[in-house]
Amino acid sequence: MKSILAFFIILSQIASAAVVDTIQTYSTSMQKNIKSVVITPDNYSNAKELPVVYLLHGYGGNHLDWINKAKGFEKASDIYNMIIVCPDGGISSWYWDSPVDKTFRYETYISDELVKSVDAKYKTIKDRKGRAISGLSMGGQGALYLAFRHQNVFGAVGSMSGGVDIRPFPNSWDMAKRLGTYADQSEHWEKNTLINMLNLLTPNSLAIIIDCGTEDFFYKVNENLHEQLLYCNIPHDYITRSGVHNWPYWTNAIKYQLLFMHNYFTNEQ
């Protein structure tokens, strides 16, 4: 009898699995189709409305990074009964609407065009209380940037190893192609660096979680952001542990990020 029961438990676990799909959405602002991985829970067909987490990739990546390099993370869709959307943010968009290159309008795309497309296609909670955004590295910066500037769209935000102050890295990761050089266009850099945008926040206006490894080259700027958030009395979760800027760290970090988002969704509904 026990062996039969164990068999059915294993069978149910195999049968229950998040569904991974790839969709294309059209960006009017950039006049092109852009791919996204969309992960829906196994019980999606019976669901009414589900919360959505938008999950951004880092520099040099694409929409497939999370599903290919953080194996197994998609199980969170079933565990927490949420939709996860992994959009293609371009190799080096930094998720800005570039002031110097009008072909890069990824702020508009992610925060407006993509959200509207996902809401139209899927059974989502069409409210900030049912939307969160997170990402790694360039995507960690992007998630915070988009959430800070679009608090009517996103209610919770996370960052893993995020480039939360871009100014110490003026020659890195194609940022000068998106903002102009720091020497010639410093106002663009000052305006678009996260640590200068805390005036957009009020206490509890966003649920915030930040995570960075202590050996990461972005650790110091994340520590500075944490200190400034404390100074401004902005509640947030801040996680540090031994680790560098790599996929083993993010594969671990995403578990805490999605648990945080789940807690936000269940507390808000």
C-alpha atoms as a PDB file:
ATOM      1  CA  MET A   1       0.000   0.000   0.000  1.00  0.00           C
ATOM      2  CA  LYS A   2       2.794   2.413   0.908  1.00  0.00           C
ATOM      3  CA  SER A   3       4.570   1.716  -2.374  1.00  0.00           C
ATOM      4  CA  ILE A   4       1.375   2.436  -4.332  1.00  0.00           C
ATOM      5  CA  LEU A   5       0.864   5.697  -2.441  1.00  0.00           C
ATOM      6  CA  ALA A   6       4.479   6.712  -3.090  1.00  0.00           C
ATOM      7  CA  PHE A   7       4.017   5.936  -6.789  1.00  0.00           C
ATOM      8  CA  PHE A   8       0.999   8.238  -7.057  1.00  0.00           C
ATOM      9  CA  ILE A   9       2.804  11.016  -5.190  1.00  0.00           C
ATOM     10  CA  ILE A  10       5.738  10.785  -7.609  1.00  0.00           C
ATOM     11  CA  LEU A  11       3.329  10.632 -10.564  1.00  0.00           C
ATOM     12  CA  SER A  12       1.522  13.772  -9.398  1.00  0.00           C
ATOM     13  CA  GLN A  13       4.838  15.600  -9.026  1.00  0.00           C
ATOM     14  CA  ILE A  14       5.853  14.633 -12.566  1.00  0.00           C
ATOM     15  CA  ALA A  15       2.452  15.613 -13.967  1.00  0.00           C
ATOM     16  CA  SER A  16       2.506  19.002 -12.261  1.00  0.00           C
ATOM     17  CA  ALA A  17       5.001  21.217 -13.996  1.00  0.00           C
ATOM     18  CA  ALA A  18       5.124  24.856 -15.017  1.00  0.00           C
ATOM     19  CA  VAL A  19       4.614  25.475 -18.727  1.00  0.00           C
ATOM     20  CA  VAL A  20       7.406  27.375 -20.504  1.00  0.00           C
ATOM     21  CA  ASP A  21       6.480  29.199 -23.694  1.00  0.00           C
ATOM     22  CA  THR A  22       8.059  31.823 -25.940  1.00  0.00           C
ATOM     23  CA  ILE A  23       5.977  34.697 -27.276  1.00  0.00           C
ATOM     24  CA  GLN A  24       6.613  37.744 -29.436  1.00  0.00           C
ATOM     25  CA  THR A  25       5.218  41.170 -28.666  1.00  0.00           C
ATOM     26  CA  TYR A  26       5.402  44.169 -30.935  1.00  0.00           C
ATOM     27  CA  SER A  27       7.062  47.342 -29.695  1.00  0.00           C
ATOM     28  CA  THR A  28       5.483  50.353 -31.359  1.00  0.00           C
ATOM     29  CA  SER A  29       8.142  52.634 -29.875  1.00  0.00           C
ATOM     30  CA  MET A  30      10.968  50.593 -31.455  1.00  0.00           C
ATOM     31  CA  GLN A  31       8.988  49.187 -34.402  1.00  0.00           C
ATOM     32  CA  LYS A  32      10.065  45.592 -33.945  1.00  0.00           C
ATOM     33  CA  ASN A  33       8.955  42.276 -32.474  1.00  0.00           C
ATOM     34  CA  ILE A  34      10.628  41.270 -29.209  1.00  0.00           C
ATOM     35  CA  LYS A  35      10.674  37.797 -27.685  1.00  0.00           C
ATOM     36  CA  SER A  36       9.869  36.852 -24.109  1.00  0.00           C
ATOM     37  CA  VAL A  37       9.806  33.578 -22.228  1.00  0.00           C
ATOM     38  CA  VAL A  38       6.529  33.208 -20.340  1.00  0.00           C
ATOM     39  CA  ILE A  39       6.196  30.653 -17.544  1.00  0.00           C
ATOM     40  CA  THR A  40       2.706  29.735 -16.385  1.00  0.00           C
ATOM     41  CA  PRO A  41       1.803  27.378 -13.532  1.00  0.00           C
ATOM     42  CA  ASP A  42       0.456  23.917 -14.219  1.00  0.00           C
ATOM     43  CA  ASN A  43      -3.027  24.887 -13.011  1.00  0.00           C
ATOM     44  CA  TYR A  44      -3.176  27.977 -15.252  1.00  0.00           C
ATOM     45  CA  SER A  45      -6.216  26.730 -17.183  1.00  0.00           C
ATOM     46  CA  ASN A  46      -8.230  26.636 -13.948  1.00  0.00           C
ATOM     47  CA  ALA A  47      -6.913  29.931 -12.602  1.00  0.00           C
ATOM     48  CA  LYS A  48      -8.875  33.144 -12.516  1.00  0.00           C
ATOM     49  CA  GLU A  49      -6.271  35.917 -12.230  1.00  0.00           C
ATOM     50  CA  LEU A  50      -2.602  35.468 -11.394  1.00  0.00           C
ATOM     51  CA  PRO A  51       0.186  37.827 -10.310  1.00  0.00           C
ATOM     52  CA  VAL A  52       3.105  38.405 -12.679  1.00  0.00           C
ATOM     53  CA  VAL A  53       6.829  38.765 -12.017  1.00  0.00           C
ATOM     54  CA  TYR A  54       8.860  40.361 -14.819  1.00  0.00           C
ATOM     55  CA  LEU A  55      12.399  39.001 -14.664  1.00  0.00           C
ATOM     56  CA  LEU A  56      15.184  40.869 -16.489  1.00  0.00           C
ATOM     57  CA  HIS A  57      18.485  39.490 -17.789  1.00  0.00           C
ATOM     58  CA  GLY A  58      21.936  41.054 -17.583  1.00  0.00           C
ATOM     59  CA  TYR A  59      24.342  42.647 -20.043  1.00  0.00           C
ATOM     60  CA  GLY A  60      25.059  40.456 -23.062  1.00  0.00           C
ATOM     61  CA  GLY A  61      22.083  38.207 -22.338  1.00  0.00           C
ATOM     62  CA  ASN A  62      18.649  37.606 -23.786  1.00  0.00           C
ATOM     63  CA  HIS A  63      15.195  36.273 -22.961  1.00  0.00           C
ATOM     64  CA  LEU A  64      16.491  32.685 -22.679  1.00  0.00           C
ATOM     65  CA  ASP A  65      19.114  33.363 -20.008  1.00  0.00           C
ATOM     66  CA  TRP A  66      17.005  32.622 -16.947  1.00  0.00           C
ATOM     67  CA  ILE A  67      15.444  29.450 -18.257  1.00  0.00           C
ATOM     68  CA  ASN A  68      18.751  28.106 -19.621  1.00  0.00           C
ATOM     69  CA  LYS A  69      21.176  29.172 -16.893  1.00  0.00           C
ATOM     70  CA  ALA A  70      19.137  28.998 -13.677  1.00  0.00           C
ATOM     71  CA  LYS A  71      17.859  25.470 -14.167  1.00  0.00           C
ATOM     72  CA  GLY A  72      14.795  24.637 -12.145  1.00  0.00           C
ATOM     73  CA  PHE A  73      13.865  28.163 -11.081  1.00  0.00           C
ATOM     74  CA  GLU A  74      10.680  27.916 -13.148  1.00  0.00           C
ATOM     75  CA  LYS A  75       9.243  25.573 -10.486  1.00  0.00           C
ATOM     76  CA  ALA A  76       8.449  28.722  -8.509  1.00  0.00           C
ATOM     77  CA  SER A  77       5.593  29.358 -10.928  1.00  0.00           C
ATOM     78  CA  ASP A  78       3.863  26.243  -9.585  1.00  0.00           C
ATOM     79  CA  ILE A  79       4.929  26.713  -5.971  1.00  0.00           C
ATOM     80  CA  TYR A  80       3.693  30.294  -5.755  1.00  0.00           C
ATOM     81  CA  ASN A  81       0.982  30.169  -8.441  1.00  0.00           C
ATOM     82  CA  MET A  82       2.419  33.058 -10.434  1.00  0.00           C
ATOM     83  CA  ILE A  83       3.286  33.926 -14.017  1.00  0.00           C
ATOM     84  CA  ILE A  84       6.936  34.751 -14.736  1.00  0.00           C
ATOM     85  CA  VAL A  85       7.863  36.786 -17.835  1.00  0.00           C
ATOM     86  CA  CYS A  86      11.482  36.960 -19.018  1.00  0.00           C
ATOM     87  CA  PRO A  87      11.708  39.599 -21.769  1.00  0.00           C
ATOM     88  CA  ASP A  88      14.570  40.217 -24.166  1.00  0.00           C
ATOM     89  CA  GLY A  89      16.050  43.536 -23.098  1.00  0.00           C
ATOM     90  CA  GLY A  90      18.715  43.707 -25.783  1.00  0.00           C
ATOM     91  CA  ILE A  91      22.394  43.016 -25.280  1.00  0.00           C
ATOM     92  CA  SER A  92      23.101  46.400 -23.723  1.00  0.00           C
ATOM     93  CA  SER A  93      19.915  48.431 -23.356  1.00  0.00           C
ATOM     94  CA  TRP A  94      20.194  48.975 -19.594  1.00  0.00           C
ATOM     95  CA  TYR A  95      16.401  49.205 -19.851  1.00  0.00           C
ATOM     96  CA  TRP A  96      16.518  52.944 -20.515  1.00  0.00           C
ATOM     97  CA  ASP A  97      14.852  55.048 -23.155  1.00  0.00           C
ATOM     98  CA  SER A  98      18.185  56.182 -24.513  1.00  0.00           C
ATOM     99  CA  PRO A  99      18.515  59.971 -24.806  1.00  0.00           C
ATOM    100  CA  VAL A 100      21.138  59.587 -27.556  1.00  0.00           C
ATOM    101  CA  ASP A 101      19.840  56.593 -29.535  1.00  0.00           C
ATOM    102  CA  LYS A 102      16.123  56.664 -30.267  1.00  0.00           C
ATOM    103  CA  THR A 103      16.159  53.018 -31.410  1.00  0.00           C
ATOM    104  CA  PHE A 104      16.574  51.984 -27.748  1.00  0.00           C
ATOM    105  CA  ARG A 105      13.254  52.535 -25.949  1.00  0.00           C
ATOM    106  CA  TYR A 106      13.306  49.682 -23.483  1.00  0.00           C
ATOM    107  CA  GLU A 107      11.822  51.657 -20.587  1.00  0.00           C
ATOM    108  CA  THR A 108       8.719  52.286 -22.669  1.00  0.00           C
ATOM    109  CA  TYR A 109       8.681  48.727 -23.938  1.00  0.00           C
ATOM    110  CA  ILE A 110       8.946  46.918 -20.587  1.00  0.00           C
ATOM    111  CA  SER A 111       6.865  49.232 -18.409  1.00  0.00           C
ATOM    112  CA  ASP A 112       4.096  49.907 -20.932  1.00  0.00           C
ATOM    113  CA  GLU A 113       4.002  47.903 -24.145  1.00  0.00           C
ATOM    114  CA  LEU A 114       4.981  44.515 -22.743  1.00  0.00           C
ATOM    115  CA  VAL A 115       2.822  44.812 -19.634  1.00  0.00           C
ATOM    116  CA  LYS A 116      -0.213  45.676 -21.756  1.00  0.00           C
ATOM    117  CA  SER A 117       0.490  42.772 -24.126  1.00  0.00           C
ATOM    118  CA  VAL A 118       0.848  40.268 -21.277  1.00  0.00           C
ATOM    119  CA  ASP A 119      -2.297  41.557 -19.592  1.00  0.00           C
ATOM    120  CA  ALA A 120      -4.201  41.194 -22.870  1.00  0.00           C
ATOM    121  CA  LYS A 121      -2.975  37.653 -23.566  1.00  0.00           C
ATOM    122  CA  TYR A 122      -2.906  36.077 -20.085  1.00  0.00           C
ATOM    123  CA  LYS A 123      -5.141  35.834 -17.035  1.00  0.00           C
ATOM    124  CA  THR A 124      -3.317  38.395 -14.932  1.00  0.00           C
ATOM    125  CA  ILE A 125      -4.073  40.696 -12.027  1.00  0.00           C
ATOM    126  CA  LYS A 126      -4.192  43.961 -13.957  1.00  0.00           C
ATOM    127  CA  ASP A 127      -2.975  46.161 -11.144  1.00  0.00           C
ATOM    128  CA  ARG A 128       0.325  47.132  -9.510  1.00  0.00           C
ATOM    129  CA  LYS A 129      -0.670  44.922  -6.563  1.00  0.00           C
ATOM    130  CA  GLY A 130      -0.303  41.955  -8.880  1.00  0.00           C
ATOM    131  CA  ARG A 131       2.927  42.983 -10.627  1.00  0.00           C
ATOM    132  CA  ALA A 132       6.557  42.776  -9.565  1.00  0.00           C
ATOM    133  CA  ILE A 133       9.850  43.160 -11.389  1.00  0.00           C
ATOM    134  CA  SER A 134      13.355  41.898 -10.683  1.00  0.00           C
ATOM    135  CA  GLY A 135      16.590  41.175 -12.500  1.00  0.00           C
ATOM    136  CA  LEU A 136      20.310  40.552 -12.319  1.00  0.00           C
ATOM    137  CA  SER A 137      23.216  42.942 -12.965  1.00  0.00           C
ATOM    138  CA  MET A 138      22.072  45.240 -15.799  1.00  0.00           C
ATOM    139  CA  GLY A 139      18.624  43.795 -15.157  1.00  0.00           C
ATOM    140  CA  GLY A 140      18.856  44.526 -11.429  1.00  0.00           C
ATOM    141  CA  GLN A 141      19.522  48.148 -12.250  1.00  0.00           C
ATOM    142  CA  GLY A 142      16.759  47.998 -14.838  1.00  0.00           C
ATOM    143  CA  ALA A 143      14.201  46.545 -12.448  1.00  0.00           C
ATOM    144  CA  LEU A 144      14.805  49.213  -9.807  1.00  0.00           C
ATOM    145  CA  TYR A 145      14.915  51.957 -12.443  1.00  0.00           C
ATOM    146  CA  LEU A 146      11.592  50.905 -13.974  1.00  0.00           C
ATOM    147  CA  ALA A 147       9.852  50.345 -10.646  1.00  0.00           C
ATOM    148  CA  PHE A 148      11.035  53.651  -9.177  1.00  0.00           C
ATOM    149  CA  ARG A 149       9.801  55.529 -12.236  1.00  0.00           C
ATOM    150  CA  HIS A 150       6.583  53.527 -12.752  1.00  0.00           C
ATOM    151  CA  GLN A 151       5.144  52.885  -9.325  1.00  0.00           C
ATOM    152  CA  ASN A 152       1.679  52.884 -10.868  1.00  0.00           C
ATOM    153  CA  VAL A 153       2.702  49.743 -12.804  1.00  0.00           C
ATOM    154  CA  PHE A 154       4.827  47.736 -10.330  1.00  0.00           C
ATOM    155  CA  GLY A 155       4.176  47.240  -6.633  1.00  0.00           C
ATOM    156  CA  ALA A 156       7.285  45.234  -5.741  1.00  0.00           C
ATOM    157  CA  VAL A 157      10.846  45.242  -7.043  1.00  0.00           C
ATOM    158  CA  GLY A 158      14.024  43.256  -6.602  1.00  0.00           C
ATOM    159  CA  SER A 159      17.640  43.472  -7.687  1.00  0.00           C
ATOM    160  CA  MET A 160      20.394  40.845  -7.747  1.00  0.00           C
ATOM    161  CA  SER A 161      23.959  42.154  -8.146  1.00  0.00           C
ATOM    162  CA  GLY A 162      22.525  45.298  -9.700  1.00  0.00           C
ATOM    163  CA  GLY A 163      24.539  48.132 -11.215  1.00  0.00           C
ATOM    164  CA  VAL A 164      22.790  50.609  -8.957  1.00  0.00           C
ATOM    165  CA  ASP A 165      25.352  53.398  -9.423  1.00  0.00           C
ATOM    166  CA  ILE A 166      26.697  53.532 -12.970  1.00  0.00           C
ATOM    167  CA  ARG A 167      29.066  56.480 -12.526  1.00  0.00           C
ATOM    168  CA  PRO A 168      32.099  54.470 -11.312  1.00  0.00           C
ATOM    169  CA  PHE A 169      32.042  52.540 -14.602  1.00  0.00           C
ATOM    170  CA  PRO A 170      32.055  55.174 -17.390  1.00  0.00           C
ATOM    171  CA  ASN A 171      33.816  52.974 -19.954  1.00  0.00           C
ATOM    172  CA  SER A 172      31.994  49.717 -19.269  1.00  0.00           C
ATOM    173  CA  TRP A 173      29.184  47.632 -20.782  1.00  0.00           C
ATOM    174  CA  ASP A 174      28.243  50.011 -23.629  1.00  0.00           C
ATOM    175  CA  MET A 175      26.596  52.493 -21.284  1.00  0.00           C
ATOM    176  CA  ALA A 176      28.221  55.391 -23.147  1.00  0.00           C
ATOM    177  CA  LYS A 177      26.417  54.224 -26.290  1.00  0.00           C
ATOM    178  CA  ARG A 178      23.098  54.655 -24.484  1.00  0.00           C
ATOM    179  CA  LEU A 179      23.814  57.855 -22.518  1.00  0.00           C
ATOM    180  CA  GLY A 180      26.710  59.536 -24.294  1.00  0.00           C
ATOM    181  CA  THR A 181      30.114  59.667 -22.668  1.00  0.00           C
ATOM    182  CA  TYR A 182      30.326  60.658 -19.027  1.00  0.00           C
ATOM    183  CA  ALA A 183      32.759  63.433 -19.979  1.00  0.00           C
ATOM    184  CA  ASP A 184      30.357  64.996 -22.508  1.00  0.00           C
ATOM    185  CA  GLN A 185      26.917  64.016 -21.177  1.00  0.00           C
ATOM    186  CA  SER A 186      27.341  63.786 -17.416  1.00  0.00           C
ATOM    187  CA  GLU A 187      23.785  65.044 -16.873  1.00  0.00           C
ATOM    188  CA  HIS A 188      22.455  61.867 -18.524  1.00  0.00           C
ATOM    189  CA  TRP A 189      24.512  59.715 -16.178  1.00  0.00           C
ATOM    190  CA  GLU A 190      23.459  61.642 -13.092  1.00  0.00           C
ATOM    191  CA  LYS A 191      19.794  61.511 -14.096  1.00  0.00           C
ATOM    192  CA  ASN A 192      19.798  57.780 -14.851  1.00  0.00           C
ATOM    193  CA  THR A 193      21.793  56.384 -11.933  1.00  0.00           C
ATOM    194  CA  LEU A 194      19.646  54.719  -9.287  1.00  0.00           C
ATOM    195  CA  ILE A 195      21.211  56.211  -6.220  1.00  0.00           C
ATOM    196  CA  ASN A 196      20.151  59.682  -7.437  1.00  0.00           C
ATOM    197  CA  MET A 197      16.514  58.643  -7.807  1.00  0.00           C
ATOM    198  CA  LEU A 198      15.548  57.988  -4.207  1.00  0.00           C
ATOM    199  CA  ASN A 199      13.526  61.202  -4.174  1.00  0.00           C
ATOM    200  CA  LEU A 200      10.931  59.265  -6.193  1.00  0.00           C
ATOM    201  CA  LEU A 201      10.260  56.986  -3.216  1.00  0.00           C
ATOM    202  CA  THR A 202       8.226  57.426  -0.081  1.00  0.00           C
ATOM    203  CA  PRO A 203       8.192  54.907   2.774  1.00  0.00           C
ATOM    204  CA  ASN A 204       6.399  51.719   1.667  1.00  0.00           C
ATOM    205  CA  SER A 205       5.543  53.063  -1.784  1.00  0.00           C
ATOM    206  CA  LEU A 206       7.310  49.982  -3.138  1.00  0.00           C
ATOM    207  CA  ALA A 207       8.174  46.618  -1.631  1.00  0.00           C
ATOM    208  CA  ILE A 208      11.951  46.383  -2.225  1.00  0.00           C
ATOM    209  CA  ILE A 209      14.487  43.556  -1.973  1.00  0.00           C
ATOM    210  CA  ILE A 210      18.175  43.992  -2.869  1.00  0.00           C
ATOM    211  CA  ASP A 211      20.787  41.207  -2.951  1.00  0.00           C
ATOM    212  CA  CYS A 212      24.500  41.331  -3.758  1.00  0.00           C
ATOM    213  CA  GLY A 213      27.490  39.108  -3.074  1.00  0.00           C
ATOM    214  CA  THR A 214      30.283  40.456  -0.913  1.00  0.00           C
ATOM    215  CA  GLU A 215      32.932  39.683  -3.574  1.00  0.00           C
ATOM    216  CA  ASP A 216      30.898  41.204  -6.403  1.00  0.00           C
ATOM    217  CA  PHE A 217      32.334  44.260  -8.187  1.00  0.00           C
ATOM    218  CA  PHE A 218      28.931  45.925  -7.609  1.00  0.00           C
ATOM    219  CA  TYR A 219      29.003  45.222  -3.865  1.00  0.00           C
ATOM    220  CA  LYS A 220      30.188  48.679  -2.817  1.00  0.00           C
ATOM    221  CA  VAL A 221      27.533  50.539  -4.825  1.00  0.00           C
ATOM    222  CA  ASN A 222      24.849  48.242  -3.412  1.00  0.00           C
ATOM    223  CA  GLU A 223      26.105  48.916   0.109  1.00  0.00           C
ATOM    224  CA  ASN A 224      25.893  52.642  -0.621  1.00  0.00           C
ATOM    225  CA  LEU A 225      22.347  52.285  -1.923  1.00  0.00           C
ATOM    226  CA  HIS A 226      21.359  50.335   1.182  1.00  0.00           C
ATOM    227  CA  GLU A 227      22.785  53.068   3.419  1.00  0.00           C
ATOM    228  CA  GLN A 228      20.973  55.792   1.485  1.00  0.00           C
ATOM    229  CA  LEU A 229      17.677  53.909   1.681  1.00  0.00           C
ATOM    230  CA  LEU A 230      18.145  53.635   5.440  1.00  0.00           C
ATOM    231  CA  TYR A 231      18.911  57.355   5.634  1.00  0.00           C
ATOM    232  CA  CYS A 232      15.726  58.124   3.688  1.00  0.00           C
ATOM    233  CA  ASN A 233      13.676  55.795   5.922  1.00  0.00           C
ATOM    234  CA  ILE A 234      12.714  53.586   2.980  1.00  0.00           C
ATOM    235  CA  PRO A 235      11.932  50.051   4.233  1.00  0.00           C
ATOM    236  CA  HIS A 236      13.631  47.308   2.229  1.00  0.00           C
ATOM    237  CA  ASP A 237      15.090  43.833   2.527  1.00  0.00           C
ATOM    238  CA  TYR A 238      18.851  43.742   1.996  1.00  0.00           C
ATOM    239  CA  ILE A 239      20.719  40.466   1.579  1.00  0.00           C
ATOM    240  CA  THR A 240      24.476  39.977   1.334  1.00  0.00           C
ATOM    241  CA  ARG A 241      26.471  36.782   1.496  1.00  0.00           C
ATOM    242  CA  SER A 242      29.721  35.447   0.102  1.00  0.00           C
ATOM    243  CA  GLY A 243      29.532  35.339  -3.671  1.00  0.00           C
ATOM    244  CA  VAL A 244      30.622  36.851  -6.955  1.00  0.00           C
ATOM    245  CA  HIS A 245      28.925  38.064 -10.134  1.00  0.00           C
ATOM    246  CA  ASN A 246      27.892  34.718 -11.606  1.00  0.00           C
ATOM    247  CA  TRP A 247      25.043  32.318 -12.282  1.00  0.00           C
ATOM    248  CA  PRO A 248      25.532  30.096  -9.219  1.00  0.00           C
ATOM    249  CA  TYR A 249      24.924  33.196  -7.091  1.00  0.00           C
ATOM    250  CA  TRP A 250      21.823  34.268  -9.063  1.00  0.00           C
ATOM    251  CA  THR A 251      20.382  30.754  -9.186  1.00  0.00           C
ATOM    252  CA  ASN A 252      20.388  30.887  -5.390  1.00  0.00           C
ATOM    253  CA  ALA A 253      19.280  34.522  -5.155  1.00  0.00           C
ATOM    254  CA  ILE A 254      16.217  34.106  -7.349  1.00  0.00           C
ATOM    255  CA  LYS A 255      14.666  31.781  -4.762  1.00  0.00           C
ATOM    256  CA  TYR A 256      14.597  34.580  -2.194  1.00  0.00           C
ATOM    257  CA  GLN A 257      13.418  37.133  -4.739  1.00  0.00           C
ATOM    258  CA  LEU A 258      10.406  35.075  -5.819  1.00  0.00           C
ATOM    259  CA  LEU A 259       9.509  34.205  -2.218  1.00  0.00           C
ATOM    260  CA  PHE A 260       9.598  37.936  -1.441  1.00  0.00           C
ATOM    261  CA  MET A 261       7.314  38.650  -4.411  1.00  0.00           C
ATOM    262  CA  HIS A 262       4.929  35.878  -3.354  1.00  0.00           C
ATOM    263  CA  ASN A 263       4.715  37.323   0.146  1.00  0.00           C
ATOM    264  CA  TYR A 264       3.977  40.735  -1.331  1.00  0.00           C
ATOM    265  CA  PHE A 265       1.215  39.358  -3.542  1.00  0.00           C
ATOM    266  CA  THR A 266      -0.440  37.332  -0.807  1.00  0.00           C
ATOM    267  CA  ASN A 267      -0.268  40.171   1.707  1.00  0.00           C
ATOM    268  CA  GLU A 268      -1.752  42.658  -0.755  1.00  0.00           C
ATOM    269  CA  GLN A 269      -4.669  40.667  -2.090  1.00  0.00           C
END
